[in-house]
Amino acid sequence: MNARTIVTATVWLCVVGASISASHAAPIDYPTDALADYVFGCMASNGQTQDSLRRCSCSIDVVASIIPYDKYVQASTVLSLTQVPGENTGAFRDSAWTKAVVEDLRRAQVEAELRCF
């Protein structure tokens, strides 16, 4: 093997390695604690197994690829507030804006379910 072949092979391996790691990278704008919280909740619903960990990690990656973190936080907050009974939280249940934000999260979760489970 000559030096040119070795350099070409090395560059090719670096490019392939970078593309593989980039496709499996954690979402950049989602903080680690939010990712972990989602995975823990998902695993509580789907079992505490290695397979469940893999699928739940995949799920948050799909959700994060569809909606930005700020919209995820908004939807999570709205969902939490709609669980509180009373008239004061009725605005969160009845508002078109809050319904749209939650619907975006639900669509992302359905897509994650299809891809990962």
PDB file of N, CA and C in Angstrom:
ATOM      1  N   MET A   1       0.829  -1.182   0.000  1.00  0.00           N
ATOM      2  CA  MET A   1       0.000   0.000   0.000  1.00  0.00           C
ATOM      3  C   MET A   1       0.872   1.244   0.000  1.00  0.00           C
ATOM      4  N   ASN A   2       0.494   2.155  -0.816  1.00  0.00           N
ATOM      5  CA  ASN A   2       1.257   3.397  -0.828  1.00  0.00           C
ATOM      6  C   ASN A   2       0.625   4.424   0.105  1.00  0.00           C
ATOM      7  N   ALA A   3       1.319   5.504   0.314  1.00  0.00           N
ATOM      8  CA  ALA A   3       0.869   6.527   1.261  1.00  0.00           C
ATOM      9  C   ALA A   3      -0.442   7.163   0.824  1.00  0.00           C
ATOM     10  N   ARG A   4      -0.615   7.340  -0.479  1.00  0.00           N
ATOM     11  CA  ARG A   4      -1.843   7.961  -0.983  1.00  0.00           C
ATOM     12  C   ARG A   4      -3.064   7.087  -0.673  1.00  0.00           C
ATOM     13  N   THR A   5      -2.955   5.799  -0.825  1.00  0.00           N
ATOM     14  CA  THR A   5      -4.049   4.872  -0.523  1.00  0.00           C
ATOM     15  C   THR A   5      -4.391   4.907   0.962  1.00  0.00           C
ATOM     16  N   ILE A   6      -3.373   4.960   1.795  1.00  0.00           N
ATOM     17  CA  ILE A   6      -3.603   4.992   3.246  1.00  0.00           C
ATOM     18  C   ILE A   6      -4.308   6.287   3.638  1.00  0.00           C
ATOM     19  N   VAL A   7      -3.876   7.408   3.078  1.00  0.00           N
ATOM     20  CA  VAL A   7      -4.505   8.695   3.382  1.00  0.00           C
ATOM     21  C   VAL A   7      -5.955   8.707   2.903  1.00  0.00           C
ATOM     22  N   THR A   8      -6.196   8.203   1.703  1.00  0.00           N
ATOM     23  CA  THR A   8      -7.554   8.152   1.162  1.00  0.00           C
ATOM     24  C   THR A   8      -8.452   7.283   2.040  1.00  0.00           C
ATOM     25  N   ALA A   9      -7.958   6.125   2.446  1.00  0.00           N
ATOM     26  CA  ALA A   9      -8.735   5.225   3.305  1.00  0.00           C
ATOM     27  C   ALA A   9      -9.017   5.869   4.656  1.00  0.00           C
ATOM     28  N   THR A  10      -8.049   6.574   5.211  1.00  0.00           N
ATOM     29  CA  THR A  10      -8.227   7.229   6.503  1.00  0.00           C
ATOM     30  C   THR A  10      -9.284   8.327   6.417  1.00  0.00           C
ATOM     31  N   VAL A  11      -9.209   9.144   5.374  1.00  0.00           N
ATOM     32  CA  VAL A  11     -10.199  10.209   5.188  1.00  0.00           C
ATOM     33  C   VAL A  11     -11.591   9.616   5.013  1.00  0.00           C
ATOM     34  N   TRP A  12     -11.700   8.568   4.230  1.00  0.00           N
ATOM     35  CA  TRP A  12     -12.990   7.912   4.011  1.00  0.00           C
ATOM     36  C   TRP A  12     -13.565   7.384   5.312  1.00  0.00           C
ATOM     37  N   LEU A  13     -12.734   6.738   6.135  1.00  0.00           N
ATOM     38  CA  LEU A  13     -13.204   6.215   7.423  1.00  0.00           C
ATOM     39  C   LEU A  13     -13.651   7.333   8.351  1.00  0.00           C
ATOM     40  N   CYS A  14     -12.955   8.458   8.330  1.00  0.00           N
ATOM     41  CA  CYS A  14     -13.342   9.593   9.168  1.00  0.00           C
ATOM     42  C   CYS A  14     -14.693  10.166   8.735  1.00  0.00           C
ATOM     43  N   VAL A  15     -14.894  10.269   7.438  1.00  0.00           N
ATOM     44  CA  VAL A  15     -16.162  10.799   6.914  1.00  0.00           C
ATOM     45  C   VAL A  15     -17.311   9.866   7.266  1.00  0.00           C
ATOM     46  N   VAL A  16     -17.121   8.575   7.053  1.00  0.00           N
ATOM     47  CA  VAL A  16     -18.171   7.594   7.366  1.00  0.00           C
ATOM     48  C   VAL A  16     -18.438   7.577   8.866  1.00  0.00           C
ATOM     49  N   GLY A  17     -17.398   7.585   9.661  1.00  0.00           N
ATOM     50  CA  GLY A  17     -17.574   7.592  11.116  1.00  0.00           C
ATOM     51  C   GLY A  17     -18.309   8.816  11.600  1.00  0.00           C
ATOM     52  N   ALA A  18     -17.988   9.966  11.040  1.00  0.00           N
ATOM     53  CA  ALA A  18     -18.661  11.204  11.438  1.00  0.00           C
ATOM     54  C   ALA A  18     -20.129  11.182  11.064  1.00  0.00           C
ATOM     55  N   SER A  19     -20.451  10.659   9.888  1.00  0.00           N
ATOM     56  CA  SER A  19     -21.858  10.616   9.482  1.00  0.00           C
ATOM     57  C   SER A  19     -22.646   9.624  10.322  1.00  0.00           C
ATOM     58  N   ILE A  20     -22.034   8.526  10.703  1.00  0.00           N
ATOM     59  CA  ILE A  20     -22.720   7.547  11.547  1.00  0.00           C
ATOM     60  C   ILE A  20     -22.965   8.127  12.931  1.00  0.00           C
ATOM     61  N   SER A  21     -21.944   8.752  13.520  1.00  0.00           N
ATOM     62  CA  SER A  21     -22.132   9.311  14.855  1.00  0.00           C
ATOM     63  C   SER A  21     -23.104  10.485  14.837  1.00  0.00           C
ATOM     64  N   ALA A  22     -23.123  11.260  13.763  1.00  0.00           N
ATOM     65  CA  ALA A  22     -24.059  12.385  13.681  1.00  0.00           C
ATOM     66  C   ALA A  22     -25.495  11.898  13.579  1.00  0.00           C
ATOM     67  N   SER A  23     -25.721  10.778  12.912  1.00  0.00           N
ATOM     68  CA  SER A  23     -27.085  10.274  12.774  1.00  0.00           C
ATOM     69  C   SER A  23     -27.610   9.686  14.074  1.00  0.00           C
ATOM     70  N   HIS A  24     -26.741   9.343  15.011  1.00  0.00           N
ATOM     71  CA  HIS A  24     -27.156   8.785  16.291  1.00  0.00           C
ATOM     72  C   HIS A  24     -26.893   9.739  17.447  1.00  0.00           C
ATOM     73  N   ALA A  25     -26.575  10.978  17.148  1.00  0.00           N
ATOM     74  CA  ALA A  25     -26.258  11.956  18.182  1.00  0.00           C
ATOM     75  C   ALA A  25     -27.521  12.409  18.897  1.00  0.00           C
ATOM     76  N   ALA A  26     -27.339  12.793  20.143  1.00  0.00           N
ATOM     77  CA  ALA A  26     -28.448  13.326  20.921  1.00  0.00           C
ATOM     78  C   ALA A  26     -28.854  14.681  20.355  1.00  0.00           C
ATOM     79  N   PRO A  27     -30.114  15.012  20.482  1.00  0.00           N
ATOM     80  CA  PRO A  27     -30.570  16.318  20.010  1.00  0.00           C
ATOM     81  C   PRO A  27     -29.797  17.434  20.703  1.00  0.00           C
ATOM     82  N   ILE A  28     -29.312  18.378  19.936  1.00  0.00           N
ATOM     83  CA  ILE A  28     -28.427  19.409  20.467  1.00  0.00           C
ATOM     84  C   ILE A  28     -29.160  20.362  21.396  1.00  0.00           C
ATOM     85  N   ASP A  29     -30.381  20.759  21.054  1.00  0.00           N
ATOM     86  CA  ASP A  29     -31.050  21.778  21.854  1.00  0.00           C
ATOM     87  C   ASP A  29     -31.858  21.219  23.015  1.00  0.00           C
ATOM     88  N   TYR A  30     -31.927  19.920  23.175  1.00  0.00           N
ATOM     89  CA  TYR A  30     -32.609  19.326  24.317  1.00  0.00           C
ATOM     90  C   TYR A  30     -31.587  19.069  25.421  1.00  0.00           C
ATOM     91  N   PRO A  31     -31.788  19.612  26.624  1.00  0.00           N
ATOM     92  CA  PRO A  31     -30.837  19.346  27.705  1.00  0.00           C
ATOM     93  C   PRO A  31     -30.901  17.882  28.149  1.00  0.00           C
ATOM     94  N   THR A  32     -29.809  17.415  28.699  1.00  0.00           N
ATOM     95  CA  THR A  32     -29.692  16.014  29.104  1.00  0.00           C
ATOM     96  C   THR A  32     -30.776  15.625  30.096  1.00  0.00           C
ATOM     97  N   ASP A  33     -31.100  16.504  31.041  1.00  0.00           N
ATOM     98  CA  ASP A  33     -32.117  16.144  32.028  1.00  0.00           C
ATOM     99  C   ASP A  33     -33.494  15.970  31.401  1.00  0.00           C
ATOM    100  N   ALA A  34     -33.797  16.731  30.357  1.00  0.00           N
ATOM    101  CA  ALA A  34     -35.081  16.568  29.655  1.00  0.00           C
ATOM    102  C   ALA A  34     -35.109  15.242  28.901  1.00  0.00           C
ATOM    103  N   LEU A  35     -33.991  14.886  28.280  1.00  0.00           N
ATOM    104  CA  LEU A  35     -33.909  13.601  27.580  1.00  0.00           C
ATOM    105  C   LEU A  35     -34.082  12.449  28.565  1.00  0.00           C
ATOM    106  N   ALA A  36     -33.371  12.538  29.687  1.00  0.00           N
ATOM    107  CA  ALA A  36     -33.443  11.480  30.696  1.00  0.00           C
ATOM    108  C   ALA A  36     -34.850  11.377  31.281  1.00  0.00           C
ATOM    109  N   ASP A  37     -35.482  12.514  31.555  1.00  0.00           N
ATOM    110  CA  ASP A  37     -36.833  12.516  32.102  1.00  0.00           C
ATOM    111  C   ASP A  37     -37.808  11.816  31.157  1.00  0.00           C
ATOM    112  N   TYR A  38     -37.703  12.111  29.868  1.00  0.00           N
ATOM    113  CA  TYR A  38     -38.565  11.475  28.871  1.00  0.00           C
ATOM    114  C   TYR A  38     -38.326   9.963  28.844  1.00  0.00           C
ATOM    115  N   VAL A  39     -37.055   9.573  28.827  1.00  0.00           N
ATOM    116  CA  VAL A  39     -36.723   8.143  28.761  1.00  0.00           C
ATOM    117  C   VAL A  39     -37.201   7.421  30.021  1.00  0.00           C
ATOM    118  N   PHE A  40     -37.016   8.021  31.194  1.00  0.00           N
ATOM    119  CA  PHE A  40     -37.491   7.389  32.433  1.00  0.00           C
ATOM    120  C   PHE A  40     -39.008   7.204  32.412  1.00  0.00           C
ATOM    121  N   GLY A  41     -39.729   8.228  31.988  1.00  0.00           N
ATOM    122  CA  GLY A  41     -41.188   8.127  31.899  1.00  0.00           C
ATOM    123  C   GLY A  41     -41.620   7.081  30.899  1.00  0.00           C
ATOM    124  N   CYS A  42     -40.950   7.054  29.771  1.00  0.00           N
ATOM    125  CA  CYS A  42     -41.250   6.071  28.737  1.00  0.00           C
ATOM    126  C   CYS A  42     -41.000   4.654  29.247  1.00  0.00           C
ATOM    127  N   MET A  43     -39.874   4.473  29.931  1.00  0.00           N
ATOM    128  CA  MET A  43     -39.550   3.143  30.459  1.00  0.00           C
ATOM    129  C   MET A  43     -40.518   2.721  31.568  1.00  0.00           C
ATOM    130  N   ALA A  44     -41.018   3.671  32.327  1.00  0.00           N
ATOM    131  CA  ALA A  44     -42.005   3.341  33.362  1.00  0.00           C
ATOM    132  C   ALA A  44     -43.270   2.779  32.717  1.00  0.00           C
ATOM    133  N   SER A  45     -43.583   3.268  31.510  1.00  0.00           N
ATOM    134  CA  SER A  45     -44.778   2.799  30.806  1.00  0.00           C
ATOM    135  C   SER A  45     -44.532   1.534  29.993  1.00  0.00           C
ATOM    136  N   ASN A  46     -43.288   1.321  29.564  1.00  0.00           N
ATOM    137  CA  ASN A  46     -42.998   0.241  28.623  1.00  0.00           C
ATOM    138  C   ASN A  46     -42.105  -0.860  29.166  1.00  0.00           C
ATOM    139  N   GLY A  47     -41.741  -0.782  30.424  1.00  0.00           N
ATOM    140  CA  GLY A  47     -40.910  -1.825  31.022  1.00  0.00           C
ATOM    141  C   GLY A  47     -39.490  -1.357  31.261  1.00  0.00           C
ATOM    142  N   GLN A  48     -38.883  -1.920  32.264  1.00  0.00           N
ATOM    143  CA  GLN A  48     -37.528  -1.538  32.669  1.00  0.00           C
ATOM    144  C   GLN A  48     -36.513  -2.515  32.074  1.00  0.00           C
ATOM    145  N   THR A  49     -36.492  -2.604  30.757  1.00  0.00           N
ATOM    146  CA  THR A  49     -35.590  -3.535  30.087  1.00  0.00           C
ATOM    147  C   THR A  49     -34.604  -2.782  29.201  1.00  0.00           C
ATOM    148  N   GLN A  50     -33.568  -3.468  28.775  1.00  0.00           N
ATOM    149  CA  GLN A  50     -32.597  -2.874  27.868  1.00  0.00           C
ATOM    150  C   GLN A  50     -33.255  -2.506  26.538  1.00  0.00           C
ATOM    151  N   ASP A  51     -34.144  -3.377  26.067  1.00  0.00           N
ATOM    152  CA  ASP A  51     -34.860  -3.097  24.821  1.00  0.00           C
ATOM    153  C   ASP A  51     -35.729  -1.849  24.962  1.00  0.00           C
ATOM    154  N   SER A  52     -36.373  -1.718  26.095  1.00  0.00           N
ATOM    155  CA  SER A  52     -37.199  -0.536  26.350  1.00  0.00           C
ATOM    156  C   SER A  52     -36.334   0.723  26.404  1.00  0.00           C
ATOM    157  N   LEU A  53     -35.169   0.635  27.011  1.00  0.00           N
ATOM    158  CA  LEU A  53     -34.248   1.771  27.055  1.00  0.00           C
ATOM    159  C   LEU A  53     -33.867   2.205  25.641  1.00  0.00           C
ATOM    160  N   ARG A  54     -33.551   1.254  24.794  1.00  0.00           N
ATOM    161  CA  ARG A  54     -33.173   1.558  23.417  1.00  0.00           C
ATOM    162  C   ARG A  54     -34.338   2.204  22.668  1.00  0.00           C
ATOM    163  N   ARG A  55     -35.525   1.631  22.802  1.00  0.00           N
ATOM    164  CA  ARG A  55     -36.690   2.158  22.096  1.00  0.00           C
ATOM    165  C   ARG A  55     -37.105   3.540  22.615  1.00  0.00           C
ATOM    166  N   CYS A  56     -37.040   3.730  23.918  1.00  0.00           N
ATOM    167  CA  CYS A  56     -37.410   5.026  24.499  1.00  0.00           C
ATOM    168  C   CYS A  56     -36.392   6.109  24.131  1.00  0.00           C
ATOM    169  N   SER A  57     -35.123   5.751  24.071  1.00  0.00           N
ATOM    170  CA  SER A  57     -34.097   6.702  23.630  1.00  0.00           C
ATOM    171  C   SER A  57     -34.325   7.087  22.180  1.00  0.00           C
ATOM    172  N   CYS A  58     -34.675   6.115  21.374  1.00  0.00           N
ATOM    173  CA  CYS A  58     -35.010   6.375  19.972  1.00  0.00           C
ATOM    174  C   CYS A  58     -36.209   7.323  19.900  1.00  0.00           C
ATOM    175  N   SER A  59     -37.185   7.085  20.745  1.00  0.00           N
ATOM    176  CA  SER A  59     -38.411   7.866  20.726  1.00  0.00           C
ATOM    177  C   SER A  59     -38.153   9.349  20.976  1.00  0.00           C
ATOM    178  N   ILE A  60     -37.358   9.681  21.999  1.00  0.00           N
ATOM    179  CA  ILE A  60     -37.091  11.097  22.266  1.00  0.00           C
ATOM    180  C   ILE A  60     -36.240  11.701  21.157  1.00  0.00           C
ATOM    181  N   ASP A  61     -35.385  10.920  20.541  1.00  0.00           N
ATOM    182  CA  ASP A  61     -34.608  11.433  19.411  1.00  0.00           C
ATOM    183  C   ASP A  61     -35.528  11.813  18.246  1.00  0.00           C
ATOM    184  N   VAL A  62     -36.543  10.993  18.001  1.00  0.00           N
ATOM    185  CA  VAL A  62     -37.496  11.293  16.929  1.00  0.00           C
ATOM    186  C   VAL A  62     -38.318  12.535  17.283  1.00  0.00           C
ATOM    187  N   VAL A  63     -38.810  12.583  18.501  1.00  0.00           N
ATOM    188  CA  VAL A  63     -39.583  13.755  18.937  1.00  0.00           C
ATOM    189  C   VAL A  63     -38.735  15.018  18.788  1.00  0.00           C
ATOM    190  N   ALA A  64     -37.485  14.952  19.222  1.00  0.00           N
ATOM    191  CA  ALA A  64     -36.598  16.117  19.159  1.00  0.00           C
ATOM    192  C   ALA A  64     -36.264  16.510  17.722  1.00  0.00           C
ATOM    193  N   SER A  65     -36.313  15.550  16.817  1.00  0.00           N
ATOM    194  CA  SER A  65     -36.032  15.890  15.419  1.00  0.00           C
ATOM    195  C   SER A  65     -37.232  16.564  14.755  1.00  0.00           C
ATOM    196  N   ILE A  66     -38.404  16.443  15.375  1.00  0.00           N
ATOM    197  CA  ILE A  66     -39.628  16.998  14.797  1.00  0.00           C
ATOM    198  C   ILE A  66     -39.989  18.350  15.404  1.00  0.00           C
ATOM    199  N   ILE A  67     -39.880  18.461  16.719  1.00  0.00           N
ATOM    200  CA  ILE A  67     -40.245  19.733  17.357  1.00  0.00           C
ATOM    201  C   ILE A  67     -39.064  20.273  18.169  1.00  0.00           C
ATOM    202  N   PRO A  68     -38.864  21.580  18.141  1.00  0.00           N
ATOM    203  CA  PRO A  68     -37.777  22.177  18.925  1.00  0.00           C
ATOM    204  C   PRO A  68     -38.082  22.101  20.418  1.00  0.00           C
ATOM    205  N   TYR A  69     -37.037  22.229  21.203  1.00  0.00           N
ATOM    206  CA  TYR A  69     -37.165  22.075  22.650  1.00  0.00           C
ATOM    207  C   TYR A  69     -38.149  23.055  23.259  1.00  0.00           C
ATOM    208  N   ASP A  70     -38.148  24.302  22.827  1.00  0.00           N
ATOM    209  CA  ASP A  70     -39.063  25.283  23.433  1.00  0.00           C
ATOM    210  C   ASP A  70     -40.526  24.896  23.230  1.00  0.00           C
ATOM    211  N   LYS A  71     -40.862  24.339  22.069  1.00  0.00           N
ATOM    212  CA  LYS A  71     -42.244  23.869  21.846  1.00  0.00           C
ATOM    213  C   LYS A  71     -42.538  22.623  22.685  1.00  0.00           C
ATOM    214  N   TYR A  72     -41.532  21.777  22.876  1.00  0.00           N
ATOM    215  CA  TYR A  72     -41.688  20.599  23.730  1.00  0.00           C
ATOM    216  C   TYR A  72     -42.006  21.034  25.166  1.00  0.00           C
ATOM    217  N   VAL A  73     -41.292  22.035  25.659  1.00  0.00           N
ATOM    218  CA  VAL A  73     -41.531  22.542  27.011  1.00  0.00           C
ATOM    219  C   VAL A  73     -42.927  23.152  27.103  1.00  0.00           C
ATOM    220  N   GLN A  74     -43.314  23.919  26.104  1.00  0.00           N
ATOM    221  CA  GLN A  74     -44.649  24.521  26.101  1.00  0.00           C
ATOM    222  C   GLN A  74     -45.729  23.448  26.162  1.00  0.00           C
ATOM    223  N   ALA A  75     -45.602  22.430  25.314  1.00  0.00           N
ATOM    224  CA  ALA A  75     -46.606  21.361  25.275  1.00  0.00           C
ATOM    225  C   ALA A  75     -46.632  20.586  26.589  1.00  0.00           C
ATOM    226  N   SER A  76     -45.468  20.301  27.151  1.00  0.00           N
ATOM    227  CA  SER A  76     -45.404  19.585  28.435  1.00  0.00           C
ATOM    228  C   SER A  76     -46.051  20.399  29.549  1.00  0.00           C
ATOM    229  N   THR A  77     -45.822  21.698  29.538  1.00  0.00           N
ATOM    230  CA  THR A  77     -46.418  22.578  30.543  1.00  0.00           C
ATOM    231  C   THR A  77     -47.934  22.613  30.399  1.00  0.00           C
ATOM    232  N   VAL A  78     -48.404  22.745  29.181  1.00  0.00           N
ATOM    233  CA  VAL A  78     -49.850  22.760  28.939  1.00  0.00           C
ATOM    234  C   VAL A  78     -50.474  21.444  29.395  1.00  0.00           C
ATOM    235  N   LEU A  79     -49.837  20.335  29.064  1.00  0.00           N
ATOM    236  CA  LEU A  79     -50.373  19.029  29.477  1.00  0.00           C
ATOM    237  C   LEU A  79     -50.432  18.918  30.997  1.00  0.00           C
ATOM    238  N   SER A  80     -49.423  19.429  31.685  1.00  0.00           N
ATOM    239  CA  SER A  80     -49.429  19.411  33.153  1.00  0.00           C
ATOM    240  C   SER A  80     -50.551  20.276  33.708  1.00  0.00           C
ATOM    241  N   LEU A  81     -50.733  21.449  33.119  1.00  0.00           N
ATOM    242  CA  LEU A  81     -51.763  22.365  33.614  1.00  0.00           C
ATOM    243  C   LEU A  81     -53.171  21.857  33.330  1.00  0.00           C
ATOM    244  N   THR A  82     -53.356  21.125  32.260  1.00  0.00           N
ATOM    245  CA  THR A  82     -54.697  20.618  31.962  1.00  0.00           C
ATOM    246  C   THR A  82     -55.108  19.487  32.900  1.00  0.00           C
ATOM    247  N   GLN A  83     -54.152  18.942  33.625  1.00  0.00           N
ATOM    248  CA  GLN A  83     -54.472  17.891  34.596  1.00  0.00           C
ATOM    249  C   GLN A  83     -55.033  18.465  35.907  1.00  0.00           C
ATOM    250  N   VAL A  84     -54.837  19.767  36.110  1.00  0.00           N
ATOM    251  CA  VAL A  84     -55.303  20.421  37.329  1.00  0.00           C
ATOM    252  C   VAL A  84     -56.779  20.786  37.148  1.00  0.00           C
ATOM    253  N   PRO A  85     -57.637  20.324  38.056  1.00  0.00           N
ATOM    254  CA  PRO A  85     -59.060  20.667  37.921  1.00  0.00           C
ATOM    255  C   PRO A  85     -59.324  22.122  38.299  1.00  0.00           C
ATOM    256  N   GLY A  86     -60.401  22.647  37.794  1.00  0.00           N
ATOM    257  CA  GLY A  86     -60.811  23.993  38.178  1.00  0.00           C
ATOM    258  C   GLY A  86     -60.978  24.922  36.995  1.00  0.00           C
ATOM    259  N   GLU A  87     -61.617  26.037  37.281  1.00  0.00           N
ATOM    260  CA  GLU A  87     -61.905  27.016  36.243  1.00  0.00           C
ATOM    261  C   GLU A  87     -60.659  27.780  35.800  1.00  0.00           C
ATOM    262  N   ASN A  88     -59.707  27.967  36.690  1.00  0.00           N
ATOM    263  CA  ASN A  88     -58.518  28.760  36.363  1.00  0.00           C
ATOM    264  C   ASN A  88     -57.663  28.104  35.269  1.00  0.00           C
ATOM    265  N   THR A  89     -57.730  26.820  35.157  1.00  0.00           N
ATOM    266  CA  THR A  89     -56.926  26.138  34.137  1.00  0.00           C
ATOM    267  C   THR A  89     -57.736  25.852  32.875  1.00  0.00           C
ATOM    268  N   GLY A  90     -58.973  26.275  32.857  1.00  0.00           N
ATOM    269  CA  GLY A  90     -59.823  26.080  31.683  1.00  0.00           C
ATOM    270  C   GLY A  90     -59.268  26.758  30.441  1.00  0.00           C
ATOM    271  N   ALA A  91     -58.587  27.876  30.628  1.00  0.00           N
ATOM    272  CA  ALA A  91     -58.001  28.590  29.491  1.00  0.00           C
ATOM    273  C   ALA A  91     -56.964  27.731  28.777  1.00  0.00           C
ATOM    274  N   PHE A  92     -56.280  26.892  29.534  1.00  0.00           N
ATOM    275  CA  PHE A  92     -55.280  26.016  28.918  1.00  0.00           C
ATOM    276  C   PHE A  92     -55.929  24.854  28.174  1.00  0.00           C
ATOM    277  N   ARG A  93     -57.082  24.445  28.636  1.00  0.00           N
ATOM    278  CA  ARG A  93     -57.779  23.338  27.962  1.00  0.00           C
ATOM    279  C   ARG A  93     -58.519  23.806  26.716  1.00  0.00           C
ATOM    280  N   ASP A  94     -58.989  25.045  26.715  1.00  0.00           N
ATOM    281  CA  ASP A  94     -59.880  25.516  25.659  1.00  0.00           C
ATOM    282  C   ASP A  94     -59.226  26.404  24.600  1.00  0.00           C
ATOM    283  N   SER A  95     -58.025  26.847  24.823  1.00  0.00           N
ATOM    284  CA  SER A  95     -57.351  27.758  23.902  1.00  0.00           C
ATOM    285  C   SER A  95     -56.907  27.040  22.626  1.00  0.00           C
ATOM    286  N   ALA A  96     -57.111  27.682  21.498  1.00  0.00           N
ATOM    287  CA  ALA A  96     -56.684  27.107  20.214  1.00  0.00           C
ATOM    288  C   ALA A  96     -55.162  26.975  20.166  1.00  0.00           C
ATOM    289  N   TRP A  97     -54.458  27.951  20.734  1.00  0.00           N
ATOM    290  CA  TRP A  97     -52.995  27.907  20.730  1.00  0.00           C
ATOM    291  C   TRP A  97     -52.474  26.706  21.515  1.00  0.00           C
ATOM    292  N   THR A  98     -53.036  26.483  22.710  1.00  0.00           N
ATOM    293  CA  THR A  98     -52.552  25.369  23.525  1.00  0.00           C
ATOM    294  C   THR A  98     -52.910  24.030  22.887  1.00  0.00           C
ATOM    295  N   LYS A  99     -54.084  23.968  22.280  1.00  0.00           N
ATOM    296  CA  LYS A  99     -54.465  22.735  21.590  1.00  0.00           C
ATOM    297  C   LYS A  99     -53.507  22.435  20.439  1.00  0.00           C
ATOM    298  N   ALA A 100     -53.090  23.465  19.707  1.00  0.00           N
ATOM    299  CA  ALA A 100     -52.160  23.284  18.580  1.00  0.00           C
ATOM    300  C   ALA A 100     -50.790  22.828  19.064  1.00  0.00           C
ATOM    301  N   VAL A 101     -50.310  23.403  20.159  1.00  0.00           N
ATOM    302  CA  VAL A 101     -49.003  23.030  20.697  1.00  0.00           C
ATOM    303  C   VAL A 101     -49.012  21.566  21.147  1.00  0.00           C
ATOM    304  N   VAL A 102     -50.064  21.180  21.844  1.00  0.00           N
ATOM    305  CA  VAL A 102     -50.177  19.795  22.316  1.00  0.00           C
ATOM    306  C   VAL A 102     -50.333  18.843  21.132  1.00  0.00           C
ATOM    307  N   GLU A 103     -51.085  19.247  20.132  1.00  0.00           N
ATOM    308  CA  GLU A 103     -51.271  18.410  18.944  1.00  0.00           C
ATOM    309  C   GLU A 103     -49.942  18.169  18.225  1.00  0.00           C
ATOM    310  N   ASP A 104     -49.093  19.187  18.158  1.00  0.00           N
ATOM    311  CA  ASP A 104     -47.764  19.020  17.555  1.00  0.00           C
ATOM    312  C   ASP A 104     -46.952  17.968  18.312  1.00  0.00           C
ATOM    313  N   LEU A 105     -46.999  18.035  19.640  1.00  0.00           N
ATOM    314  CA  LEU A 105     -46.283  17.037  20.449  1.00  0.00           C
ATOM    315  C   LEU A 105     -46.877  15.655  20.235  1.00  0.00           C
ATOM    316  N   ARG A 106     -48.186  15.553  20.209  1.00  0.00           N
ATOM    317  CA  ARG A 106     -48.839  14.246  20.002  1.00  0.00           C
ATOM    318  C   ARG A 106     -48.447  13.643  18.646  1.00  0.00           C
ATOM    319  N   ARG A 107     -48.405  14.474  17.607  1.00  0.00           N
ATOM    320  CA  ARG A 107     -47.998  13.979  16.277  1.00  0.00           C
ATOM    321  C   ARG A 107     -46.564  13.473  16.304  1.00  0.00           C
ATOM    322  N   ALA A 108     -45.699  14.203  16.969  1.00  0.00           N
ATOM    323  CA  ALA A 108     -44.295  13.786  17.080  1.00  0.00           C
ATOM    324  C   ALA A 108     -44.187  12.474  17.842  1.00  0.00           C
ATOM    325  N   GLN A 109     -44.990  12.308  18.888  1.00  0.00           N
ATOM    326  CA  GLN A 109     -44.971  11.066  19.661  1.00  0.00           C
ATOM    327  C   GLN A 109     -45.508   9.885  18.846  1.00  0.00           C
ATOM    328  N   VAL A 110     -46.505  10.125  18.021  1.00  0.00           N
ATOM    329  CA  VAL A 110     -47.019   9.060  17.150  1.00  0.00           C
ATOM    330  C   VAL A 110     -45.951   8.645  16.148  1.00  0.00           C
ATOM    331  N   GLU A 111     -45.271   9.618  15.575  1.00  0.00           N
ATOM    332  CA  GLU A 111     -44.186   9.307  14.639  1.00  0.00           C
ATOM    333  C   GLU A 111     -43.086   8.516  15.338  1.00  0.00           C
ATOM    334  N   ALA A 112     -42.756   8.902  16.562  1.00  0.00           N
ATOM    335  CA  ALA A 112     -41.747   8.175  17.342  1.00  0.00           C
ATOM    336  C   ALA A 112     -42.196   6.748  17.618  1.00  0.00           C
ATOM    337  N   GLU A 113     -43.466   6.589  17.917  1.00  0.00           N
ATOM    338  CA  GLU A 113     -44.025   5.235  18.159  1.00  0.00           C
ATOM    339  C   GLU A 113     -43.875   4.379  16.916  1.00  0.00           C
ATOM    340  N   LEU A 114     -44.176   4.947  15.764  1.00  0.00           N
ATOM    341  CA  LEU A 114     -44.075   4.197  14.511  1.00  0.00           C
ATOM    342  C   LEU A 114     -42.635   3.809  14.178  1.00  0.00           C
ATOM    343  N   ARG A 115     -41.727   4.712  14.443  1.00  0.00           N
ATOM    344  CA  ARG A 115     -40.319   4.453  14.087  1.00  0.00           C
ATOM    345  C   ARG A 115     -39.580   3.577  15.086  1.00  0.00           C
ATOM    346  N   CYS A 116     -39.959   3.670  16.355  1.00  0.00           N
ATOM    347  CA  CYS A 116     -39.139   3.043  17.400  1.00  0.00           C
ATOM    348  C   CYS A 116     -39.762   1.822  18.060  1.00  0.00           C
ATOM    349  N   PHE A 117     -41.070   1.674  17.982  1.00  0.00           N
ATOM    350  CA  PHE A 117     -41.701   0.564  18.710  1.00  0.00           C
ATOM    351  C   PHE A 117     -42.361  -0.403  17.796  1.00  0.00           C
TER     352      PHE A 117
END
